[in-house]
Protein backbone atom coordinates (compact mmCIF):
# COMPACT_ATOMS: atom_id res chain seq x y z
CA MET A 1 6.57 -23.57 -83.48
CA ALA A 2 3.76 -21.65 -85.16
CA ILE A 3 0.17 -22.79 -84.80
CA ILE A 4 -1.56 -23.03 -88.17
CA LYS A 5 -5.23 -22.06 -88.17
CA VAL A 6 -7.04 -24.01 -90.88
CA GLY A 7 -9.96 -22.25 -92.57
CA LYS A 8 -12.68 -23.49 -94.89
CA GLY A 9 -10.72 -22.44 -97.97
CA ASP A 10 -7.78 -24.59 -96.88
CA LEU A 11 -9.94 -27.72 -97.09
CA ARG A 12 -10.86 -27.64 -100.78
CA GLY A 13 -8.32 -30.38 -101.44
CA ARG A 14 -9.81 -32.47 -98.63
CA ASP A 15 -13.33 -32.03 -100.02
CA LYS A 16 -12.17 -32.93 -103.54
CA ALA A 17 -10.53 -36.09 -102.20
CA MET A 18 -13.75 -37.05 -100.36
CA SER A 19 -15.73 -36.65 -103.57
CA GLU A 20 -13.26 -38.80 -105.51
CA LEU A 21 -13.28 -41.46 -102.80
CA LYS A 22 -17.06 -41.55 -102.79
CA GLU A 23 -16.95 -42.41 -106.51
CA TYR A 24 -14.21 -44.98 -105.94
CA PHE A 25 -16.07 -46.77 -103.14
CA SER A 26 -19.34 -46.66 -105.10
CA ALA A 27 -17.62 -48.43 -108.00
CA LEU A 28 -16.03 -50.91 -105.59
CA SER A 29 -19.47 -51.61 -104.09
CA SER A 30 -20.88 -52.33 -107.55
CA ARG A 31 -17.99 -54.64 -108.36
CA LYS A 32 -18.28 -56.59 -105.12
CA GLY A 33 -22.07 -56.61 -105.10
CA ARG A 34 -22.35 -55.37 -101.50
CA GLU A 35 -21.92 -52.27 -99.38
CA ILE A 36 -18.40 -51.17 -98.46
CA THR A 37 -17.72 -51.11 -94.74
CA TYR A 38 -15.31 -49.58 -92.25
CA ASN A 39 -14.23 -50.29 -88.69
CA ILE A 40 -12.33 -47.90 -86.39
CA ARG A 41 -10.57 -49.43 -83.41
CA THR A 42 -9.90 -46.77 -80.80
CA TYR A 43 -7.38 -46.94 -77.98
CA GLY A 44 -6.78 -44.35 -75.28
CA CYS A 45 -8.53 -41.24 -74.04
CA GLN A 46 -11.73 -39.36 -74.85
CA LEU A 47 -9.83 -37.13 -77.30
CA ASN A 48 -9.02 -40.25 -79.29
CA GLU A 49 -12.72 -41.15 -79.16
CA SER A 50 -13.52 -37.68 -80.48
CA ASP A 51 -10.99 -38.13 -83.29
CA SER A 52 -12.60 -41.44 -84.19
CA GLU A 53 -15.99 -39.74 -84.44
CA LYS A 54 -14.46 -37.37 -86.99
CA LEU A 55 -12.91 -40.23 -88.96
CA SER A 56 -16.34 -41.91 -88.92
CA GLY A 57 -17.97 -38.72 -90.16
CA MET A 58 -15.63 -38.49 -93.12
CA LEU A 59 -15.95 -42.19 -94.01
CA ASP A 60 -19.73 -41.93 -93.72
CA GLN A 61 -19.74 -39.07 -96.24
CA MET A 62 -17.69 -41.25 -98.57
CA GLY A 63 -20.58 -43.72 -98.57
CA LEU A 64 -19.13 -46.38 -96.26
CA THR A 65 -21.11 -48.24 -93.58
CA GLU A 66 -19.68 -48.83 -90.12
CA VAL A 67 -19.37 -52.33 -88.69
CA THR A 68 -18.41 -52.83 -85.07
CA GLY A 69 -16.49 -55.43 -83.12
CA ASP A 70 -13.85 -57.46 -84.90
CA ALA A 71 -15.75 -57.66 -88.17
CA SER A 72 -13.62 -57.86 -91.28
CA ALA A 73 -14.28 -54.42 -92.74
CA ASP A 74 -13.05 -53.06 -96.07
CA VAL A 75 -11.38 -50.11 -94.35
CA ILE A 76 -9.84 -50.67 -90.92
CA ILE A 77 -8.36 -47.73 -89.02
CA PHE A 78 -6.40 -48.19 -85.79
CA ASN A 79 -6.56 -44.96 -83.76
CA THR A 80 -3.74 -45.46 -81.30
CA CYS A 81 -2.51 -44.35 -77.88
CA ALA A 82 1.13 -43.97 -76.81
CA VAL A 83 0.62 -43.30 -73.11
CA ARG A 84 0.88 -46.94 -71.96
CA GLU A 85 2.98 -49.79 -73.29
CA ASN A 86 0.06 -52.24 -73.37
CA ALA A 87 -1.75 -50.06 -75.94
CA GLU A 88 1.20 -50.46 -78.30
CA ASP A 89 1.28 -54.21 -77.69
CA ARG A 90 -2.42 -54.43 -78.54
CA LEU A 91 -1.93 -52.53 -81.79
CA PHE A 92 0.93 -54.67 -83.06
CA GLY A 93 -0.92 -57.83 -82.07
CA ASN A 94 -4.04 -56.74 -83.95
CA LEU A 95 -2.03 -55.68 -87.00
CA GLY A 96 -0.74 -59.22 -87.18
CA ILE A 97 -4.28 -60.60 -87.07
CA VAL A 98 -5.53 -58.54 -90.04
CA LYS A 99 -2.59 -59.61 -92.22
CA ALA A 100 -4.43 -62.73 -93.42
CA ASP A 101 -7.49 -60.69 -94.47
CA LYS A 102 -5.24 -58.30 -96.39
CA LYS A 103 -3.73 -61.22 -98.32
CA THR A 104 -7.12 -62.50 -99.44
CA ASP A 105 -8.59 -59.07 -100.25
CA LYS A 106 -6.24 -56.74 -102.12
CA ASP A 107 -8.82 -53.92 -101.94
CA LYS A 108 -8.76 -53.86 -98.12
CA ILE A 109 -7.30 -50.68 -96.63
CA ILE A 110 -5.49 -50.68 -93.28
CA GLY A 111 -4.57 -47.38 -91.64
CA VAL A 112 -2.84 -46.40 -88.40
CA CYS A 113 -3.21 -42.97 -86.80
CA GLY A 114 -3.17 -41.49 -83.31
CA CYS A 115 -0.45 -40.72 -80.79
CA MET A 116 1.70 -43.80 -81.47
CA THR A 117 2.54 -42.47 -84.92
CA LYS A 118 4.49 -39.56 -83.45
CA VAL A 119 7.02 -41.98 -81.92
CA PRO A 120 9.67 -42.65 -84.61
CA GLU A 121 10.41 -46.15 -83.31
CA ASN A 122 6.76 -47.14 -83.81
CA VAL A 123 6.63 -45.80 -87.37
CA GLU A 124 9.84 -47.60 -88.25
CA LYS A 125 8.43 -50.85 -86.82
CA ILE A 126 5.31 -50.49 -88.96
CA ARG A 127 7.45 -49.84 -92.05
CA LYS A 128 9.62 -52.91 -91.49
CA SER A 129 7.30 -55.45 -89.86
CA PHE A 130 3.90 -54.47 -91.24
CA PRO A 131 4.47 -53.33 -94.84
CA TYR A 132 0.89 -54.28 -95.73
CA VAL A 133 -0.37 -51.28 -93.69
CA ASP A 134 -1.47 -48.78 -96.34
CA LEU A 135 -1.53 -45.51 -94.43
CA VAL A 136 0.14 -43.97 -91.38
CA PHE A 137 -0.68 -40.40 -90.31
CA ASP A 138 -0.66 -38.38 -87.10
CA PRO A 139 -3.35 -36.69 -84.95
CA GLN A 140 -2.50 -33.17 -86.14
CA GLN A 141 -3.47 -34.10 -89.70
CA LEU A 142 -6.82 -35.74 -89.02
CA HIS A 143 -8.59 -33.15 -91.18
CA LEU A 144 -6.53 -34.32 -94.19
CA PHE A 145 -7.38 -38.02 -93.78
CA PRO A 146 -9.33 -38.22 -97.09
CA VAL A 147 -6.35 -36.81 -99.02
CA TYR A 148 -3.99 -39.38 -97.56
CA LEU A 149 -6.50 -42.20 -98.00
CA ARG A 150 -6.96 -41.32 -101.67
CA ASP A 151 -3.21 -41.10 -102.23
CA ALA A 152 -2.57 -44.40 -100.43
CA ILE A 153 -5.13 -46.16 -102.63
CA GLY A 154 -3.71 -44.58 -105.78
CA LYS A 155 -0.05 -45.31 -105.04
CA LYS A 156 -0.66 -48.94 -104.00
CA LYS A 157 2.19 -48.69 -101.50
CA GLN A 158 2.55 -47.68 -97.88
CA LEU A 159 2.06 -43.94 -97.34
CA VAL A 160 3.54 -42.43 -94.18
CA ASN A 161 2.74 -38.79 -93.49
CA ILE A 162 3.96 -37.39 -90.17
CA THR A 163 4.13 -33.63 -89.69
CA SER A 164 5.97 -31.33 -87.30
CA GLU A 165 3.25 -28.66 -87.62
CA ASP A 166 0.55 -27.90 -85.05
CA TYR A 167 -2.80 -27.34 -86.74
CA ILE A 168 -6.06 -26.14 -85.23
CA VAL A 169 -9.24 -26.89 -87.15
CA ASP A 170 -12.67 -25.93 -85.90
CA ASP A 171 -14.99 -28.89 -85.42
CA SER A 172 -17.60 -27.30 -87.68
CA LEU A 173 -15.26 -27.89 -90.63
CA VAL A 174 -14.95 -31.64 -90.05
CA PRO A 175 -17.87 -34.11 -90.42
CA ILE A 176 -18.62 -35.81 -87.09
CA LEU A 177 -20.58 -39.03 -86.58
CA ARG A 178 -21.25 -39.09 -82.84
CA LYS A 179 -21.36 -42.50 -81.21
CA ARG A 180 -23.76 -41.86 -78.34
CA LYS A 181 -27.30 -40.56 -78.45
CA PHE A 182 -26.93 -38.54 -75.27
CA ARG A 183 -23.27 -37.48 -74.98
CA ALA A 184 -21.36 -35.11 -77.22
CA LEU A 185 -17.59 -34.88 -77.00
CA VAL A 186 -16.42 -31.29 -77.58
CA PRO A 187 -12.67 -30.63 -77.72
CA ILE A 188 -11.96 -27.03 -76.68
CA MET A 189 -8.17 -27.18 -76.84
CA TYR A 190 -5.45 -29.48 -78.14
CA GLY A 191 -1.89 -30.30 -77.15
CA CYS A 192 0.04 -29.87 -73.93
CA ASN A 193 2.84 -27.59 -72.70
CA ASN A 194 3.61 -29.41 -69.45
CA PHE A 195 6.24 -31.94 -70.60
CA CYS A 196 5.90 -34.28 -67.65
CA THR A 197 9.02 -36.43 -67.85
CA TYR A 198 7.09 -39.72 -68.18
CA CYS A 199 4.62 -38.54 -70.84
CA ILE A 200 4.79 -38.63 -74.63
CA VAL A 201 1.63 -36.54 -75.18
CA PRO A 202 3.29 -33.12 -75.80
CA TYR A 203 5.39 -34.73 -78.52
CA ALA A 204 2.43 -36.64 -79.97
CA ARG A 205 -0.26 -33.96 -79.76
CA GLY A 206 1.86 -30.82 -80.07
CA ARG A 207 1.80 -27.59 -78.13
CA GLU A 208 -1.31 -26.15 -76.50
CA ARG A 209 -3.72 -24.43 -78.87
CA SER A 210 -7.27 -23.41 -78.05
CA ARG A 211 -10.37 -22.97 -80.18
CA ASP A 212 -12.14 -19.62 -80.33
CA ILE A 213 -14.78 -19.41 -77.61
CA SER A 214 -17.33 -18.20 -80.19
CA GLU A 215 -16.83 -21.42 -82.18
CA ILE A 216 -17.19 -23.51 -79.04
CA THR A 217 -20.40 -21.81 -77.90
CA GLU A 218 -21.87 -22.08 -81.40
CA GLU A 219 -21.19 -25.82 -81.38
CA LEU A 220 -22.65 -26.19 -77.88
CA ASN A 221 -25.87 -24.42 -78.87
CA THR A 222 -26.17 -26.61 -81.96
CA LEU A 223 -25.74 -29.74 -79.84
CA ALA A 224 -28.39 -28.55 -77.38
CA ALA A 225 -30.82 -27.97 -80.25
CA GLN A 226 -30.08 -31.49 -81.48
CA GLY A 227 -31.20 -32.92 -78.14
CA TYR A 228 -27.93 -33.93 -76.49
CA LYS A 229 -28.34 -34.20 -72.72
CA GLU A 230 -24.66 -34.33 -71.82
CA VAL A 231 -21.62 -32.51 -73.13
CA MET A 232 -18.01 -33.30 -72.28
CA LEU A 233 -15.46 -30.51 -72.71
CA LEU A 234 -12.16 -32.06 -73.72
CA GLY A 235 -8.50 -31.18 -73.78
CA GLN A 236 -5.19 -32.77 -72.91
CA ASN A 237 -5.15 -30.15 -70.16
CA VAL A 238 -8.64 -28.78 -70.49
CA ASN A 239 -8.49 -26.10 -67.82
CA SER A 240 -5.41 -24.47 -69.30
CA TYR A 241 -7.69 -23.24 -72.11
CA LYS A 242 -6.82 -19.76 -73.35
CA GLY A 243 -8.96 -18.12 -76.03
CA THR A 244 -7.79 -15.69 -78.67
CA ASN A 245 -8.99 -12.73 -76.61
CA GLY A 246 -7.66 -14.03 -73.32
CA GLU A 247 -10.73 -16.06 -72.30
CA ARG A 248 -10.03 -18.77 -69.73
CA PHE A 249 -11.57 -22.13 -68.93
CA PRO A 250 -14.04 -20.78 -66.30
CA GLU A 251 -15.75 -18.76 -69.05
CA VAL A 252 -16.13 -21.84 -71.27
CA LEU A 253 -17.46 -23.89 -68.35
CA LYS A 254 -20.01 -21.19 -67.50
CA ALA A 255 -21.09 -20.89 -71.13
CA ALA A 256 -21.80 -24.61 -71.28
CA ALA A 257 -23.59 -24.70 -67.92
CA GLU A 258 -25.87 -21.81 -68.86
CA ILE A 259 -27.33 -23.84 -71.73
CA LYS A 260 -30.25 -25.26 -69.79
CA GLU A 261 -30.89 -28.08 -72.28
CA PHE A 262 -27.75 -29.77 -70.95
CA ASN A 263 -28.49 -31.90 -67.91
CA ARG A 264 -24.83 -32.75 -67.53
CA VAL A 265 -21.68 -30.75 -68.25
CA ARG A 266 -18.43 -32.65 -67.78
CA PHE A 267 -14.78 -31.88 -68.46
CA MET A 268 -11.59 -33.92 -68.85
CA SER A 269 -8.71 -33.92 -68.23
CA SER A 270 -7.45 -31.57 -65.55
CA HIS A 271 -4.00 -30.66 -64.27
CA PRO A 272 -3.83 -29.81 -60.53
CA LYS A 273 -1.86 -26.62 -61.23
CA ASP A 274 -4.79 -25.25 -63.28
CA VAL A 275 -7.71 -26.24 -61.03
CA SER A 276 -8.48 -22.90 -59.41
CA ASP A 277 -10.87 -22.02 -56.60
CA GLU A 278 -12.89 -20.20 -59.25
CA ILE A 279 -13.46 -23.42 -61.19
CA ILE A 280 -14.59 -25.21 -58.03
CA GLU A 281 -16.91 -22.32 -57.16
CA ILE A 282 -18.50 -22.54 -60.62
CA MET A 283 -18.93 -26.30 -60.19
CA SER A 284 -20.75 -25.70 -56.91
CA SER A 285 -22.96 -22.96 -58.41
CA TYR A 286 -24.51 -24.76 -61.39
CA SER A 287 -26.76 -27.75 -60.86
CA ASN A 288 -25.98 -29.25 -64.26
CA ILE A 289 -22.19 -29.34 -63.87
CA GLU A 290 -21.07 -32.79 -62.88
CA THR A 291 -20.00 -32.95 -59.23
CA HIS A 292 -16.95 -34.95 -60.18
CA LEU A 293 -13.40 -33.66 -60.35
CA HIS A 294 -10.66 -35.69 -62.01
CA LEU A 295 -7.49 -34.54 -60.26
CA PRO A 296 -4.42 -36.56 -61.32
CA LEU A 297 -2.05 -36.98 -58.37
CA GLN A 298 0.61 -39.23 -60.00
CA SER A 299 2.65 -39.33 -56.76
CA GLY A 300 2.32 -38.23 -53.15
CA SER A 301 6.04 -37.51 -52.86
CA ASP A 302 7.29 -33.98 -53.48
CA ARG A 303 10.65 -35.38 -54.57
CA ILE A 304 9.07 -37.65 -57.18
CA LEU A 305 6.69 -34.91 -58.34
CA LYS A 306 9.71 -32.72 -59.02
CA LEU A 307 11.38 -35.54 -60.99
CA MET A 308 8.14 -35.92 -62.94
CA ASN A 309 8.14 -32.17 -63.70
CA ARG A 310 4.75 -31.80 -62.04
CA PRO A 311 4.64 -28.11 -60.94
CA TYR A 312 2.76 -28.58 -57.65
CA ASN A 313 3.56 -30.21 -54.36
CA ARG A 314 1.68 -32.43 -51.97
CA GLU A 315 0.44 -29.49 -49.90
CA ASP A 316 -0.92 -27.69 -52.98
CA TYR A 317 -2.69 -30.83 -54.13
CA LEU A 318 -4.32 -31.52 -50.77
CA LYS A 319 -5.46 -27.92 -50.51
CA THR A 320 -7.31 -28.21 -53.83
CA ALA A 321 -8.82 -31.59 -52.93
CA HIS A 322 -10.03 -30.40 -49.52
CA TYR A 323 -11.50 -27.22 -50.98
CA PHE A 324 -13.45 -29.28 -53.50
CA ARG A 325 -14.77 -31.57 -50.74
CA GLN A 326 -15.81 -28.47 -48.76
CA ARG A 327 -17.57 -26.68 -51.62
CA VAL A 328 -19.02 -29.78 -53.34
CA PRO A 329 -19.82 -32.07 -50.38
CA ASP A 330 -21.74 -34.62 -52.47
CA GLY A 331 -19.03 -34.69 -55.13
CA ALA A 332 -16.46 -37.28 -56.08
CA ILE A 333 -12.75 -37.06 -56.81
CA SER A 334 -10.95 -39.43 -59.15
CA THR A 335 -7.25 -39.49 -59.84
CA ASP A 336 -4.32 -40.99 -61.77
CA ILE A 337 -1.40 -42.59 -59.92
CA ILE A 338 1.88 -43.97 -61.27
CA VAL A 339 3.69 -46.59 -59.19
CA GLY A 340 7.40 -47.23 -59.64
CA PHE A 341 8.56 -44.02 -61.28
CA PRO A 342 12.40 -44.05 -61.59
CA GLY A 343 14.01 -43.38 -58.22
CA GLU A 344 10.83 -44.02 -56.20
CA THR A 345 11.76 -45.28 -52.73
CA GLU A 346 9.57 -47.03 -50.20
CA GLU A 347 9.30 -43.72 -48.35
CA ASP A 348 8.13 -41.98 -51.53
CA PHE A 349 5.53 -44.68 -52.10
CA LYS A 350 4.27 -44.42 -48.53
CA GLY A 351 3.73 -40.71 -49.21
CA THR A 352 1.44 -41.68 -52.07
CA LEU A 353 -0.53 -44.05 -49.84
CA GLU A 354 -0.91 -41.27 -47.25
CA VAL A 355 -2.38 -38.86 -49.81
CA VAL A 356 -4.72 -41.56 -51.13
CA LYS A 357 -6.01 -42.17 -47.59
CA GLU A 358 -6.41 -38.46 -46.84
CA CYS A 359 -8.23 -37.70 -50.10
CA ALA A 360 -10.33 -40.88 -49.95
CA PHE A 361 -10.53 -41.02 -53.73
CA ASP A 362 -13.84 -42.29 -55.04
CA SER A 363 -12.06 -43.92 -57.96
CA ALA A 364 -8.57 -44.04 -59.41
CA PHE A 365 -6.72 -44.99 -62.56
CA THR A 366 -3.59 -46.73 -61.30
CA PHE A 367 -0.59 -47.63 -63.45
CA GLN A 368 2.73 -49.34 -63.12
CA TYR A 369 5.39 -47.09 -64.64
CA SER A 370 6.49 -48.15 -68.11
CA ILE A 371 9.29 -46.61 -70.15
CA ARG A 372 8.03 -44.38 -72.95
CA PRO A 373 10.72 -43.91 -75.63
CA GLY A 374 11.35 -40.25 -76.31
CA THR A 375 10.59 -39.07 -72.77
CA LYS A 376 13.12 -37.78 -70.28
CA ALA A 377 12.22 -40.45 -67.71
CA ALA A 378 13.16 -43.21 -70.17
CA THR A 379 16.86 -42.40 -69.68
CA MET A 380 16.72 -41.80 -65.93
CA GLU A 381 18.83 -43.93 -63.63
CA ASP A 382 17.38 -45.88 -60.69
CA GLN A 383 14.66 -47.68 -62.64
CA VAL A 384 12.65 -49.54 -60.00
CA PRO A 385 12.80 -53.37 -60.24
CA HIS A 386 9.62 -54.91 -61.66
CA ASP A 387 8.96 -57.11 -58.63
CA VAL A 388 9.14 -54.08 -56.33
CA VAL A 389 6.73 -52.12 -58.56
CA THR A 390 4.31 -55.06 -58.65
CA GLU A 391 4.33 -55.43 -54.84
CA ARG A 392 3.72 -51.71 -54.30
CA PHE A 393 1.02 -51.68 -56.94
CA GLY A 394 -0.79 -54.46 -55.11
CA ARG A 395 -0.81 -52.46 -51.87
CA LEU A 396 -2.14 -49.39 -53.66
CA LEU A 397 -4.92 -51.40 -55.33
CA GLU A 398 -5.95 -52.94 -52.03
CA LEU A 399 -6.26 -49.51 -50.41
CA GLN A 400 -8.00 -47.82 -53.36
CA ASN A 401 -10.44 -50.69 -53.94
CA ASP A 402 -11.51 -50.39 -50.30
CA LEU A 403 -12.02 -46.63 -50.67
CA ALA A 404 -14.02 -47.06 -53.90
CA PHE A 405 -16.23 -49.67 -52.24
CA LYS A 406 -16.88 -47.35 -49.29
CA SER A 407 -17.76 -44.54 -51.71
CA ASN A 408 -20.31 -46.82 -53.37
CA GLN A 409 -21.65 -48.02 -50.01
CA ALA A 410 -22.36 -44.39 -49.07
CA LYS A 411 -24.85 -44.28 -51.97
CA VAL A 412 -27.00 -47.18 -50.70
CA GLY A 413 -30.43 -46.03 -49.54
CA LYS A 414 -30.31 -42.80 -51.52
CA THR A 415 -32.26 -41.90 -54.65
CA GLU A 416 -30.61 -39.85 -57.38
CA GLU A 417 -31.17 -38.83 -60.97
CA ILE A 418 -29.44 -41.02 -63.54
CA LEU A 419 -28.70 -40.35 -67.18
CA ILE A 420 -29.27 -43.71 -68.86
CA GLU A 421 -26.33 -44.82 -70.99
CA GLY A 422 -27.98 -47.96 -72.34
CA GLN A 423 -28.04 -51.66 -71.69
CA SER A 424 -25.61 -53.09 -69.16
CA SER A 425 -23.02 -55.54 -70.46
CA THR A 426 -23.84 -57.83 -67.55
CA ALA A 427 -27.46 -58.74 -68.40
CA PRO A 428 -30.00 -57.85 -71.11
CA ASP A 429 -32.66 -56.67 -68.62
CA ILE A 430 -30.31 -54.33 -66.72
CA LEU A 431 -29.73 -50.69 -67.64
CA THR A 432 -26.62 -48.70 -66.83
CA GLY A 433 -25.92 -45.02 -66.22
CA ARG A 434 -24.09 -42.58 -64.01
CA THR A 435 -24.92 -40.24 -61.19
CA LEU A 436 -24.05 -36.55 -61.32
CA SER A 437 -20.94 -37.52 -59.30
CA ASN A 438 -19.95 -40.06 -61.99
CA HIS A 439 -20.74 -43.17 -59.93
CA LEU A 440 -21.56 -46.12 -62.20
CA VAL A 441 -25.03 -47.54 -61.55
CA ASN A 442 -26.66 -50.72 -62.87
CA PHE A 443 -30.39 -50.92 -62.29
CA THR A 444 -33.61 -52.71 -63.11
CA ILE A 445 -36.91 -51.32 -64.35
CA PRO A 446 -40.02 -52.42 -62.44
CA GLU A 447 -42.67 -53.84 -64.72
CA GLU A 448 -45.03 -50.95 -64.04
CA LEU A 449 -42.43 -48.42 -65.31
CA ARG A 450 -41.57 -50.22 -68.53
CA VAL A 451 -42.59 -48.49 -71.72
CA PRO A 452 -44.39 -50.92 -74.06
CA GLY A 453 -42.38 -51.65 -77.19
CA LYS A 454 -39.13 -50.12 -75.87
CA SER A 455 -35.99 -52.23 -75.85
CA ALA A 456 -33.17 -51.58 -73.40
CA ASP A 457 -31.28 -49.54 -76.00
CA ASP A 458 -34.31 -47.28 -76.52
CA TYR A 459 -33.88 -45.89 -73.00
CA GLU A 460 -30.43 -44.49 -73.83
CA GLY A 461 -30.31 -40.75 -73.19
CA MET A 462 -33.39 -40.69 -70.97
CA LEU A 463 -33.38 -39.46 -67.38
CA CYS A 464 -34.74 -41.38 -64.42
CA ASP A 465 -34.60 -41.54 -60.64
CA VAL A 466 -32.93 -44.64 -59.21
CA GLU A 467 -32.98 -45.92 -55.64
CA PHE A 468 -29.64 -47.48 -54.73
CA THR A 469 -29.97 -50.88 -53.12
CA HIS A 470 -26.56 -52.54 -53.10
CA ALA A 471 -22.89 -51.55 -53.39
CA ARG A 472 -20.25 -53.38 -55.38
CA PRO A 473 -16.51 -52.67 -55.56
CA TYR A 474 -16.82 -50.66 -58.79
CA SER A 475 -20.52 -49.89 -59.12
CA VAL A 476 -23.87 -49.54 -57.38
CA ASP A 477 -27.04 -51.58 -57.96
CA GLY A 478 -30.46 -50.04 -57.88
CA LYS A 479 -34.01 -49.96 -59.16
CA MET A 480 -35.75 -47.29 -61.17
CA VAL A 481 -38.44 -45.44 -59.22
CA LYS A 482 -39.34 -42.79 -61.79
CA LEU A 483 -38.84 -42.37 -65.53
CA LYS A 484 -38.66 -38.72 -66.62
């Protein structure tokens, strides 16, 4: 399938729709005697978060004001994920909740976008069971959201627009309202060519397509000038990036790291087959590249990896993990693991536990396999009984929780630089942030280091040194010793 490059001239219709919607919402505001609000509810990965920032940017330019939480906004957009079954359950549950608001306010707009919309069964369910949803569109058409929103309002009936095309639109052509003061999400490529048998992403996000490196570096320099301390390079398979002139991911990573205004350069998400020694060498050579490698394992069994269509084996994976530990000794490795993939035997599962022990993962995202309609694994025989999956999952959690706790214990007594992410959710006088190795830290500020008049939120984006005093299963406690 051809990849369609969208230029500025292709967006005149989008810009016209935004102008018309601005007038519409202004008139609606006058009629209701209050400002018109929106709420975007985001499920899934950082790329979905990035998409939501673009939706926010467009709605902001239409004159709407964002409200957070479960507030009853005038425009509610559900930006969905199709990777796990529980994300779908959450969406349909929340769609049922907003039905009552829709009945009492005929002007309310409800939209659904994101990866779930590329699964035909989900779209059909929305059509039949949630007819009050006004708009359904897919991730590839995010740049055309204002056009579809205008048309949905004008037609007064459900508008479903799902495409088979793969578009690539430079971020500079889409308004972005970034959610964090310190971190900028920068997609460098979209889509996936791997077709793992359990995963819906290649069908939902399309084939791999990469932005021009000149556009990426221009955006990075702009973000640095705007004062962002951290940048996260994003892609469904970020290190399979391939530029128009043959540039590869190491060149993008270097370009970001050489912008000295960035204290942190991160990237997500990796595929083990594309994590080269060169990437690890670059990580070890630049002090502002995060010393954290997310390296999804999925299974420690070569047989199961083959069934998953993961083009590496256990030996390859361990070689990469050990090389990272050697070259980045203070670094951390996180991973993804699926328990109960069709055909998984006890011997296969024990292979996973062995790799987990050998790699000593600092953290892990662990999942019980769930059938994803439209994937090859959904029709595989030998689906593992639920009680067996649950029992194995418990053993994996017990092992990984112990490893994560030991990783956090190794931090106690050390002092490291922290990028403050804001107020902790646990207490109003506690701040939270992360180390360069992506360890979560909650810490206090001694009275003598407090800045008069600053609230906890005012510290977001600042750098400080924190002495680690206590380890918890999923975080480290500490106290600030220096504010930078």
